[in-house]
Protein backbone atom coordinates (compact mmCIF):
# COMPACT_ATOMS: atom_id res chain seq x y z
CA MET A 1 12.39 -27.89 13.57
CA ASP A 2 9.63 -30.05 12.39
CA THR A 3 8.26 -32.33 14.93
CA ALA A 4 5.09 -33.51 13.32
CA ARG A 5 4.90 -36.66 11.98
CA VAL A 6 2.94 -38.34 8.91
CA TYR A 7 2.01 -41.81 8.06
CA PHE A 8 0.49 -43.37 4.89
CA GLY A 9 -1.36 -46.82 4.65
CA LEU A 10 -1.61 -47.94 1.45
CA LYS A 11 -4.56 -51.07 1.10
CA PRO A 12 -3.17 -53.62 -0.63
CA PRO A 13 -5.22 -55.68 -3.39
CA ARG A 14 -7.03 -58.53 -2.33
CA THR A 15 -5.94 -60.63 -5.50
CA PRO A 16 -2.64 -61.78 -6.24
CA GLY A 17 -1.33 -60.12 -9.24
CA ALA A 18 -3.62 -56.89 -8.95
CA TRP A 19 -0.76 -54.62 -8.33
CA HIS A 20 0.15 -55.28 -12.12
CA GLU A 21 -3.24 -54.53 -13.56
CA SER A 22 -4.38 -50.91 -14.23
CA PRO A 23 -7.21 -50.57 -11.61
CA PRO A 24 -10.25 -48.63 -12.27
CA SER A 25 -9.50 -46.77 -9.59
CA LEU A 26 -6.84 -46.05 -6.99
CA PRO A 27 -6.37 -48.05 -3.64
CA PRO A 28 -7.61 -45.84 -0.59
CA VAL A 29 -5.38 -44.42 1.07
CA ARG A 30 -5.25 -43.20 4.87
CA VAL A 31 -3.07 -40.35 6.01
CA LEU A 32 -2.41 -39.97 9.78
CA ILE A 33 -0.87 -36.77 11.07
CA GLN A 34 0.52 -36.87 14.75
CA LYS A 35 1.10 -33.49 16.29
CA PRO A 36 3.38 -32.70 19.07
CA SER A 37 1.72 -31.96 22.35
CA ILE A 38 0.56 -28.27 23.33
CA GLU A 39 3.23 -28.52 26.02
CA LYS A 40 6.03 -29.48 23.45
CA CYS A 41 5.24 -26.72 21.57
CA CYS A 42 5.47 -24.22 24.55
CA VAL A 43 8.46 -25.18 24.84
CA LEU A 44 10.03 -25.06 21.60
CA ILE A 45 8.51 -21.61 21.34
CA GLN A 46 10.16 -20.29 24.27
CA GLU A 47 13.63 -22.14 23.40
CA ASN A 48 13.61 -20.58 19.96
CA LEU A 49 12.42 -17.55 21.64
CA ASN A 50 15.61 -17.53 24.44
CA LYS A 51 17.94 -17.95 21.00
CA THR A 52 16.95 -14.98 19.55
CA THR A 53 17.08 -13.05 22.56
CA ASP A 54 20.47 -14.30 23.64
CA CYS A 55 22.43 -14.47 20.70
CA SER A 56 24.14 -11.18 19.62
CA ALA A 57 22.41 -10.88 16.00
CA LYS A 58 23.24 -7.53 15.24
CA LEU A 59 22.84 -5.23 11.83
CA GLU A 60 26.20 -5.45 10.28
CA CYS A 61 27.70 -4.74 6.91
CA PRO A 62 30.32 -6.76 4.66
CA GLN A 63 33.62 -6.67 5.49
CA HIS A 64 35.06 -3.15 4.12
CA TRP A 65 32.07 -1.65 3.79
CA LEU A 66 31.04 1.44 5.84
CA SER A 67 27.97 1.32 7.89
CA HIS A 68 25.62 4.27 8.64
CA ARG A 69 22.08 4.46 9.80
CA ASP A 70 20.50 1.50 8.00
CA LYS A 71 22.36 1.11 4.82
CA CYS A 72 25.84 -0.09 4.03
CA PHE A 73 28.27 1.77 1.41
CA HIS A 74 30.99 0.39 -0.51
CA ILE A 75 33.73 2.90 -2.18
CA SER A 76 35.17 1.31 -5.21
CA GLN A 77 38.75 1.59 -5.72
CA VAL A 78 38.69 1.82 -9.44
CA SER A 79 37.48 3.92 -11.72
CA ASN A 80 35.06 3.44 -14.59
CA THR A 81 32.22 4.68 -16.70
CA TRP A 82 28.68 4.90 -15.06
CA GLU A 83 27.03 2.03 -16.75
CA GLU A 84 30.29 -0.13 -15.28
CA GLY A 85 29.67 1.45 -12.00
CA GLN A 86 26.26 0.58 -11.51
CA ALA A 87 26.76 -3.23 -13.08
CA ASP A 88 29.73 -3.68 -10.42
CA CYS A 89 27.23 -2.42 -7.70
CA GLY A 90 24.48 -4.99 -8.77
CA ARG A 91 27.16 -7.75 -8.80
CA LYS A 92 27.54 -6.81 -5.04
CA GLY A 93 24.13 -7.18 -4.36
CA ALA A 94 23.62 -3.07 -4.38
CA THR A 95 22.75 -0.48 -6.03
CA LEU A 96 24.84 3.09 -7.11
CA LEU A 97 24.49 5.20 -3.87
CA LEU A 98 20.79 7.15 -3.49
CA ILE A 99 21.64 10.14 -1.31
CA GLN A 100 18.60 10.18 1.36
CA ASP A 101 19.73 13.53 2.73
CA GLN A 102 22.32 16.24 3.65
CA GLU A 103 23.36 14.14 6.76
CA GLU A 104 24.28 11.26 4.47
CA LEU A 105 25.87 12.77 2.12
CA ARG A 106 27.81 14.85 4.77
CA PHE A 107 28.88 11.42 6.38
CA LEU A 108 29.92 9.79 3.03
CA LEU A 109 32.02 13.26 2.15
CA ASP A 110 33.85 12.58 5.67
CA SER A 111 34.36 9.10 4.97
CA ILE A 112 35.80 9.46 1.39
CA LYS A 113 39.64 9.96 2.25
CA GLU A 114 40.57 11.44 -1.66
CA LYS A 115 38.80 14.26 -1.14
CA TYR A 116 40.10 15.25 -5.16
CA ASN A 117 38.50 12.08 -6.85
CA SER A 118 34.75 12.08 -7.92
CA PHE A 119 32.36 9.26 -7.26
CA TRP A 120 29.56 8.07 -9.44
CA ILE A 121 26.13 8.14 -7.71
CA GLY A 122 22.86 6.63 -9.02
CA LEU A 123 21.42 9.87 -10.61
CA ARG A 124 21.07 10.50 -14.15
CA TYR A 125 19.60 12.78 -16.77
CA THR A 126 17.08 11.32 -18.55
CA LEU A 127 15.10 12.51 -21.88
CA PRO A 128 12.90 12.79 -22.75
CA ASP A 129 11.30 14.38 -19.77
CA MET A 130 14.40 16.40 -19.50
CA ASN A 131 14.89 15.50 -15.65
CA TRP A 132 17.43 14.23 -13.15
CA LYS A 133 16.28 10.46 -11.78
CA TRP A 134 17.81 8.50 -9.14
CA ILE A 135 18.30 4.94 -10.60
CA ASN A 136 14.77 3.63 -8.65
CA GLY A 137 12.86 5.98 -10.62
CA THR A 138 12.33 8.83 -8.37
CA THR A 139 12.56 12.18 -9.55
CA PHE A 140 15.53 14.43 -8.06
CA ASN A 141 14.61 17.19 -5.26
CA SER A 142 16.81 19.96 -5.85
CA ASP A 143 15.96 20.81 -2.45
CA VAL A 144 18.43 18.15 -1.06
CA LEU A 145 21.24 18.59 -3.28
CA LYS A 146 22.25 21.20 -5.94
CA ILE A 147 24.02 20.00 -9.04
CA ILE A 148 26.81 21.95 -10.69
CA GLY A 149 28.13 21.58 -14.34
CA VAL A 150 26.73 21.07 -17.91
CA THR A 151 23.41 19.00 -17.56
CA GLU A 152 22.50 17.40 -20.99
CA ASN A 153 21.56 14.15 -22.32
CA GLY A 154 24.14 11.47 -21.57
CA SER A 155 25.07 13.11 -18.34
CA CYS A 156 25.07 11.50 -14.60
CA ALA A 157 26.00 12.91 -11.27
CA THR A 158 29.03 12.52 -9.23
CA ILE A 159 30.02 13.44 -5.71
CA SER A 160 33.68 14.97 -5.06
CA GLY A 161 34.72 17.38 -2.09
CA ASP A 162 31.73 19.34 -1.05
CA LYS A 163 29.42 19.33 -4.24
CA VAL A 164 27.49 17.27 -6.95
CA THR A 165 28.51 17.53 -10.32
CA SER A 166 26.83 16.59 -13.56
CA GLU A 167 29.49 14.67 -15.90
CA SER A 168 29.31 12.59 -18.97
CA CYS A 169 28.41 9.20 -17.91
CA SER A 170 31.16 7.53 -20.48
CA THR A 171 33.58 9.33 -18.08
CA ASP A 172 35.83 6.87 -15.86
CA ASN A 173 35.42 7.74 -12.36
CA ARG A 174 34.83 5.57 -8.67
CA TRP A 175 31.87 5.10 -7.64
CA ILE A 176 29.64 4.31 -4.37
CA CYS A 177 27.61 1.74 -4.06
CA GLN A 178 24.71 1.22 -1.31
CA LYS A 179 22.77 -1.40 0.31
CA GLU A 180 20.47 -2.05 3.53
CA LEU A 181 21.85 -3.57 6.61
CA ASN A 182 20.92 -7.11 6.86
CA HIS A 183 20.87 -10.01 9.42
CA GLU A 184 23.55 -12.01 7.56
CA THR A 185 26.98 -12.95 8.71
CA PRO A 186 29.24 -10.39 7.49
CA SER A 187 30.92 -11.46 4.04
CA ASN A 188 34.23 -10.64 2.40
CA ASP A 189 32.57 -8.97 -0.42
CA SER A 190 34.48 -5.87 -1.84
């Protein structure tokens, strides 16, 4: 809410027709800014504070997303390559899953109804350093997760049942997207 007012005053030329000529310099401009009183500012601040505390603004995930701690998770209903999973998450304003810890992994594994499907996560085997890296650039910590399966160029990680597996990135799997909780109104993203 902007309550300040700005007034401009242009001093007209003294000779008729001077508006059409090119003046040697611009006419003087006076600017007057009228600010609200201190009391009015205090009332406006208090009103805004009351609005914030009175409203039930809570952190919510979009419709059809799971909420856990400070993240929202979306479990895809279709299968495709790792790259397509990553692109789909991007279109939803999210990324492929970056597993924070064992507790988060347990929550997700408990949430996945179809225990026999594999789900892409944001972990990929990279060359030339021959390391597993998360899509945010951080190196994989094997203290949190253990990856089973053959690891080679073109390998990406999936979660299934209670394990993390190395698979060819070109295989078709479902995926899990994540994004941070926010104060936005829930949408119909799915």
